[in-house]
Amino acid sequence: MPSTVRTLVLSAWEPEVAPLRRLLRGARARARDVALEAIGVGTVDAAVGAAGAIARARPRRVIFVGTAGVYPGAARAFPTGAAAIAGELRLVSTATLRGDAYHPAPLVATAQATPALRDRLARAGADGAPTPVARVACPLAITHAAALARRIAATGAALENLEAFAVARAAALASVPMAAVLGIANVVGPEAHAEWREHHAAASRAACDVVWAWLRSAQDRAPRPARLGSKRRTRRSSRAGRAPRRGGAARSARRGRPRAPAAAPRSGPAWRARAGHLPGD
């Protein structure tokens, strides 16, 4: 990985970022500023992996790509195979939801994607249409019980992903802007795993297509480097309106004058004769 990159794209495992890696192979100019890395599955490994990747790459921004399940009540707004941008990311404990446990007060359980980066990604939809923004629940384990899915959805979450919250916290602690793009692979519930196996490749492509569209638009907006010699021309043009340097007019006037004859030598027979000296003095 380069020592410094502009954009660090992270995923839980390689197949979720592989579509973007293939796209970047054909665009070396854009690939120079982008690093891709799989950081691990689940909250703990994702947090450790993201922190390490950010420390090594020192990026200007972090984008997480992955797959997500959609809670049944939001399935119409976020269909399987489509992509969504994470807005609020919430760490979820099912024991807390049941009332069997509680979070200690200092624990951070909510994170936000960086608004400016989130909005730019949302506007750069792969098909030209904006990508919707969703609230994401991040539990420790994948939800498969319908009743639990309804309980988590009641918190306002539309999507479920295990790693996005961990990446957001790692980026926040490093003071690096962060956003997450998630492909919808399944409906959360009893059939979730079978649906995910069927759709995760297409969902990963959908998420990577959004990041690819943003990378292309960002490259097109970037200022072009100045051509060689443009700085010299700029300096000359800026000097045109300046007053001449001190002594410049005098030097210019002197250039047109004939050069004065050299002074006669003050020694030798000719000089001594002019000065009135006699031979032998």
Protein backbone atom coordinates (compact mmCIF):
# COMPACT_ATOMS: atom_id res chain seq x y z
CA MET A 1 0.00 0.00 0.00
CA PRO A 2 1.33 3.49 -0.80
CA SER A 3 2.53 5.53 2.17
CA THR A 4 -0.02 8.25 1.43
CA VAL A 5 -3.21 7.98 -0.66
CA ARG A 6 -6.13 10.23 -1.28
CA THR A 7 -8.88 7.61 -0.97
CA LEU A 8 -8.73 4.41 1.08
CA VAL A 9 -11.50 1.95 0.21
CA LEU A 10 -12.08 -0.76 2.80
CA SER A 11 -14.25 -3.85 2.82
CA ALA A 12 -14.82 -6.70 5.25
CA TRP A 13 -13.51 -9.28 2.78
CA GLU A 14 -11.96 -9.24 -0.68
CA PRO A 15 -15.00 -10.28 -2.80
CA GLU A 16 -16.86 -7.15 -1.71
CA VAL A 17 -14.17 -4.79 -3.04
CA ALA A 18 -13.06 -6.96 -5.99
CA PRO A 19 -15.39 -5.28 -8.54
CA LEU A 20 -13.79 -1.90 -7.82
CA ARG A 21 -10.31 -3.40 -8.02
CA ARG A 22 -11.10 -4.70 -11.52
CA LEU A 23 -12.38 -1.29 -12.62
CA LEU A 24 -9.27 0.45 -11.33
CA ARG A 25 -6.96 -1.91 -13.23
CA GLY A 26 -8.20 -0.33 -16.43
CA ALA A 27 -7.73 3.24 -15.19
CA ARG A 28 -4.19 3.57 -13.87
CA ALA A 29 -4.40 7.38 -13.60
CA ARG A 30 -7.20 7.09 -11.04
CA ALA A 31 -5.73 4.02 -9.37
CA ARG A 32 -2.60 5.92 -8.31
CA ASP A 33 -4.57 7.82 -5.66
CA VAL A 34 -6.70 4.89 -4.42
CA ALA A 35 -5.82 2.01 -2.10
CA LEU A 36 -8.05 -1.00 -1.46
CA GLU A 37 -7.90 -3.35 1.49
CA ALA A 38 -9.99 -6.06 3.12
CA ILE A 39 -9.90 -5.60 6.89
CA GLY A 40 -11.83 -8.51 8.41
CA VAL A 41 -15.35 -9.68 9.13
CA GLY A 42 -17.25 -8.55 12.21
CA THR A 43 -17.05 -5.59 14.53
CA VAL A 44 -13.79 -6.36 16.31
CA ASP A 45 -11.66 -7.42 13.34
CA ALA A 46 -13.04 -4.56 11.23
CA ALA A 47 -12.12 -2.00 13.89
CA VAL A 48 -8.59 -3.35 14.27
CA GLY A 49 -8.10 -3.75 10.53
CA ALA A 50 -9.45 -0.30 9.69
CA ALA A 51 -7.26 1.39 12.31
CA GLY A 52 -4.17 -0.34 10.93
CA ALA A 53 -5.00 0.43 7.30
CA ILE A 54 -5.63 4.11 8.07
CA ALA A 55 -2.36 4.40 9.98
CA ARG A 56 -0.41 2.88 7.09
CA ALA A 57 -2.08 4.76 4.23
CA ARG A 58 -2.70 8.13 5.93
CA PRO A 59 -5.59 8.80 3.53
CA ARG A 60 -7.56 11.99 2.97
CA ARG A 61 -10.79 10.00 3.18
CA VAL A 62 -12.05 6.48 3.92
CA ILE A 63 -14.89 4.75 2.07
CA PHE A 64 -16.25 1.44 3.30
CA VAL A 65 -17.96 -0.83 0.76
CA GLY A 66 -19.90 -3.90 1.74
CA THR A 67 -23.19 -5.74 1.65
CA ALA A 68 -26.19 -5.23 3.88
CA GLY A 69 -29.52 -6.73 4.72
CA VAL A 70 -32.65 -4.61 4.57
CA TYR A 71 -35.26 -4.82 7.31
CA PRO A 72 -38.62 -5.98 5.91
CA GLY A 73 -40.39 -2.64 6.38
CA ALA A 74 -37.80 -0.83 4.25
CA ALA A 75 -37.49 -3.41 1.47
CA ARG A 76 -39.49 -1.33 -1.00
CA ALA A 77 -37.29 1.74 -0.57
CA PHE A 78 -34.08 -0.33 -0.64
CA PRO A 79 -34.56 -3.25 -3.06
CA THR A 80 -32.20 -6.20 -3.26
CA GLY A 81 -29.39 -5.57 -5.72
CA ALA A 82 -29.43 -1.81 -5.27
CA ALA A 83 -26.96 0.34 -3.35
CA ALA A 84 -27.43 2.74 -0.44
CA ILE A 85 -25.28 5.30 1.35
CA ALA A 86 -24.96 5.04 5.13
CA GLY A 87 -26.12 8.04 7.11
CA GLU A 88 -26.31 7.33 10.82
CA LEU A 89 -24.55 4.18 12.01
CA ARG A 90 -25.73 2.67 15.27
CA LEU A 91 -24.10 -0.05 17.35
CA VAL A 92 -26.84 -2.48 18.35
CA SER A 93 -26.95 -4.88 21.29
CA THR A 94 -29.91 -7.24 21.24
CA ALA A 95 -29.55 -7.71 25.00
CA THR A 96 -29.93 -3.95 25.43
CA LEU A 97 -32.98 -3.93 23.17
CA ARG A 98 -34.57 -6.64 25.33
CA GLY A 99 -33.77 -4.70 28.49
CA ASP A 100 -31.43 -7.42 29.77
CA ALA A 101 -28.33 -5.20 29.61
CA TYR A 102 -27.24 -1.59 29.18
CA HIS A 103 -24.37 0.34 27.66
CA PRO A 104 -22.05 2.16 30.08
CA ALA A 105 -22.36 5.93 29.73
CA PRO A 106 -18.91 6.56 28.14
CA LEU A 107 -19.52 3.97 25.40
CA VAL A 108 -20.02 5.50 21.94
CA ALA A 109 -22.91 3.73 20.22
CA THR A 110 -23.72 6.15 17.38
CA ALA A 111 -21.57 7.43 14.52
CA GLN A 112 -22.24 9.59 11.50
CA ALA A 113 -20.82 9.40 8.01
CA THR A 114 -19.09 12.66 7.09
CA PRO A 115 -21.90 14.76 5.53
CA ALA A 116 -19.91 16.29 2.65
CA LEU A 117 -18.43 12.96 1.52
CA ARG A 118 -21.74 11.16 2.07
CA ASP A 119 -23.62 13.68 -0.07
CA ARG A 120 -21.06 13.62 -2.89
CA LEU A 121 -21.29 9.85 -3.07
CA ALA A 122 -25.07 10.00 -3.02
CA ARG A 123 -25.12 12.44 -5.94
CA ALA A 124 -22.69 10.35 -7.99
CA GLY A 125 -25.09 7.48 -8.55
CA ALA A 126 -23.84 4.81 -10.94
CA ASP A 127 -26.82 5.26 -13.27
CA GLY A 128 -27.01 9.04 -12.92
CA ALA A 129 -29.77 8.90 -10.29
CA PRO A 130 -28.96 9.80 -6.66
CA THR A 131 -28.27 6.90 -4.31
CA PRO A 132 -30.55 6.89 -1.24
CA VAL A 133 -29.20 7.44 2.26
CA ALA A 134 -30.16 5.02 5.04
CA ARG A 135 -29.76 4.59 8.78
CA VAL A 136 -27.73 1.44 9.46
CA ALA A 137 -27.84 -0.86 12.48
CA CYS A 138 -24.59 -2.67 13.29
CA PRO A 139 -25.15 -5.65 15.61
CA LEU A 140 -22.53 -8.15 16.70
CA ALA A 141 -24.22 -11.01 14.82
CA ILE A 142 -26.43 -11.39 11.76
CA THR A 143 -30.12 -11.23 12.57
CA HIS A 144 -32.23 -14.14 11.32
CA ALA A 145 -35.28 -14.12 13.64
CA ALA A 146 -38.20 -12.16 12.22
CA ALA A 147 -39.21 -10.84 15.65
CA LEU A 148 -35.73 -9.51 16.34
CA ALA A 149 -35.61 -7.93 12.89
CA ARG A 150 -38.80 -6.03 13.70
CA ARG A 151 -37.40 -4.95 17.07
CA ILE A 152 -34.22 -3.54 15.51
CA ALA A 153 -36.17 -1.88 12.70
CA ALA A 154 -38.26 -0.12 15.36
CA THR A 155 -35.16 1.88 16.29
CA GLY A 156 -35.40 3.58 12.88
CA ALA A 157 -32.77 1.49 11.09
CA ALA A 158 -33.38 0.46 7.49
CA LEU A 159 -30.26 -1.65 6.89
CA GLU A 160 -28.05 -4.06 8.81
CA ASN A 161 -24.27 -4.41 8.43
CA LEU A 162 -21.73 -5.75 10.88
CA GLU A 163 -18.63 -3.65 10.11
CA ALA A 164 -19.59 -0.12 9.05
CA PHE A 165 -19.83 1.28 12.58
CA ALA A 166 -16.37 -0.07 13.46
CA VAL A 167 -14.84 1.59 10.38
CA ALA A 168 -16.58 4.86 11.20
CA ARG A 169 -15.11 4.87 14.71
CA ALA A 170 -11.61 4.07 13.46
CA ALA A 171 -11.82 6.92 10.95
CA ALA A 172 -13.20 9.34 13.54
CA LEU A 173 -10.37 8.60 15.97
CA ALA A 174 -7.90 9.28 13.14
CA SER A 175 -9.75 12.51 12.18
CA VAL A 176 -10.32 11.22 8.63
CA PRO A 177 -13.62 11.80 6.73
CA MET A 178 -15.56 8.57 6.25
CA ALA A 179 -18.53 7.29 4.28
CA ALA A 180 -20.00 3.85 3.60
CA VAL A 181 -21.66 2.46 0.46
CA LEU A 182 -23.63 -0.75 0.94
CA GLY A 183 -25.15 -3.11 -1.61
CA ILE A 184 -28.45 -4.70 -0.56
CA ALA A 185 -28.00 -8.48 -0.66
CA ASN A 186 -30.98 -9.81 1.30
CA VAL A 187 -34.01 -9.11 3.45
CA VAL A 188 -33.20 -9.53 7.14
CA GLY A 189 -34.98 -12.61 8.48
CA PRO A 190 -35.07 -16.42 8.31
CA GLU A 191 -34.14 -16.57 4.59
CA ALA A 192 -31.38 -13.99 4.84
CA HIS A 193 -28.39 -16.30 4.41
CA ALA A 194 -29.76 -18.08 1.34
CA GLU A 195 -30.64 -14.71 -0.23
CA TRP A 196 -27.23 -13.29 0.60
CA ARG A 197 -25.47 -16.23 -1.09
CA GLU A 198 -27.52 -15.62 -4.21
CA HIS A 199 -27.21 -11.84 -4.39
CA HIS A 200 -24.00 -10.78 -2.61
CA ALA A 201 -21.93 -10.60 -5.81
CA ALA A 202 -24.45 -8.31 -7.53
CA ALA A 203 -24.83 -6.24 -4.36
CA SER A 204 -21.05 -5.80 -4.12
CA ARG A 205 -20.95 -4.65 -7.74
CA ALA A 206 -23.71 -2.12 -7.07
CA ALA A 207 -21.80 -0.62 -4.14
CA CYS A 208 -18.51 -0.54 -6.04
CA ASP A 209 -20.22 1.06 -9.06
CA VAL A 210 -21.26 4.00 -6.89
CA VAL A 211 -17.70 4.50 -5.64
CA TRP A 212 -16.39 4.16 -9.21
CA ALA A 213 -18.85 6.79 -10.46
CA TRP A 214 -17.73 9.14 -7.68
CA LEU A 215 -14.04 8.55 -8.42
CA ARG A 216 -14.60 9.38 -12.09
CA SER A 217 -16.55 12.53 -11.31
CA ALA A 218 -13.99 13.65 -8.73
CA GLN A 219 -11.15 13.11 -11.24
CA ASP A 220 -13.00 15.10 -13.90
CA ARG A 221 -13.50 18.01 -11.50
CA ALA A 222 -9.86 18.10 -10.39
CA PRO A 223 -7.84 21.04 -11.79
CA ARG A 224 -5.45 20.13 -14.57
CA PRO A 225 -1.74 20.59 -13.87
CA ALA A 226 -0.15 23.62 -15.51
CA ARG A 227 2.01 23.00 -18.56
CA LEU A 228 5.74 23.50 -18.45
CA GLY A 229 6.62 27.16 -18.96
CA SER A 230 3.22 28.46 -17.87
CA LYS A 231 4.69 29.83 -14.64
CA ARG A 232 7.39 31.68 -16.60
CA ARG A 233 4.81 33.19 -18.92
CA THR A 234 2.73 34.21 -15.95
CA ARG A 235 5.67 35.98 -14.35
CA ARG A 236 6.47 37.85 -17.54
CA SER A 237 2.90 38.96 -18.02
CA SER A 238 2.69 40.09 -14.42
CA ARG A 239 5.83 42.19 -14.85
CA ALA A 240 4.35 44.06 -17.81
CA GLY A 241 2.43 46.46 -15.61
CA ARG A 242 5.17 46.99 -13.03
CA ALA A 243 7.34 50.13 -12.72
CA PRO A 244 10.92 49.64 -13.91
CA ARG A 245 13.39 48.51 -11.30
CA ARG A 246 15.56 51.11 -9.55
CA GLY A 247 18.32 52.25 -11.90
CA GLY A 248 16.63 50.61 -14.87
CA ALA A 249 16.04 53.91 -16.75
CA ALA A 250 19.62 55.06 -16.16
CA ARG A 251 20.97 51.76 -17.42
CA SER A 252 18.75 51.95 -20.47
CA ALA A 253 19.97 55.51 -21.23
CA ARG A 254 23.58 54.53 -20.80
CA ARG A 255 23.21 51.67 -23.25
CA GLY A 256 22.70 54.19 -26.12
CA ARG A 257 25.74 56.38 -25.33
CA PRO A 258 29.10 55.88 -27.08
CA ARG A 259 31.71 54.43 -24.81
CA ALA A 260 34.20 57.04 -23.47
CA PRO A 261 37.81 56.63 -24.68
CA ALA A 262 40.17 54.92 -22.34
CA ALA A 263 42.29 57.22 -20.17
CA ALA A 264 45.86 57.78 -21.33
CA PRO A 265 48.49 55.91 -19.32
CA ARG A 266 50.19 57.95 -16.58
CA SER A 267 53.65 56.56 -17.23
CA GLY A 268 56.07 56.08 -20.10
CA PRO A 269 57.97 58.59 -22.34
CA ALA A 270 54.85 60.12 -23.95
CA TRP A 271 53.30 60.93 -20.59
CA ARG A 272 56.54 62.35 -19.23
CA ALA A 273 56.91 64.62 -22.29
CA ARG A 274 53.37 65.95 -21.86
CA ALA A 275 54.04 66.57 -18.20
CA GLY A 276 57.16 68.65 -18.93
CA HIS A 277 59.75 66.19 -17.74
CA LEU A 278 63.08 66.07 -19.55
CA PRO A 279 64.76 62.90 -20.65
CA GLY A 280 66.79 61.50 -17.84
CA ASP A 281 64.56 62.88 -15.06
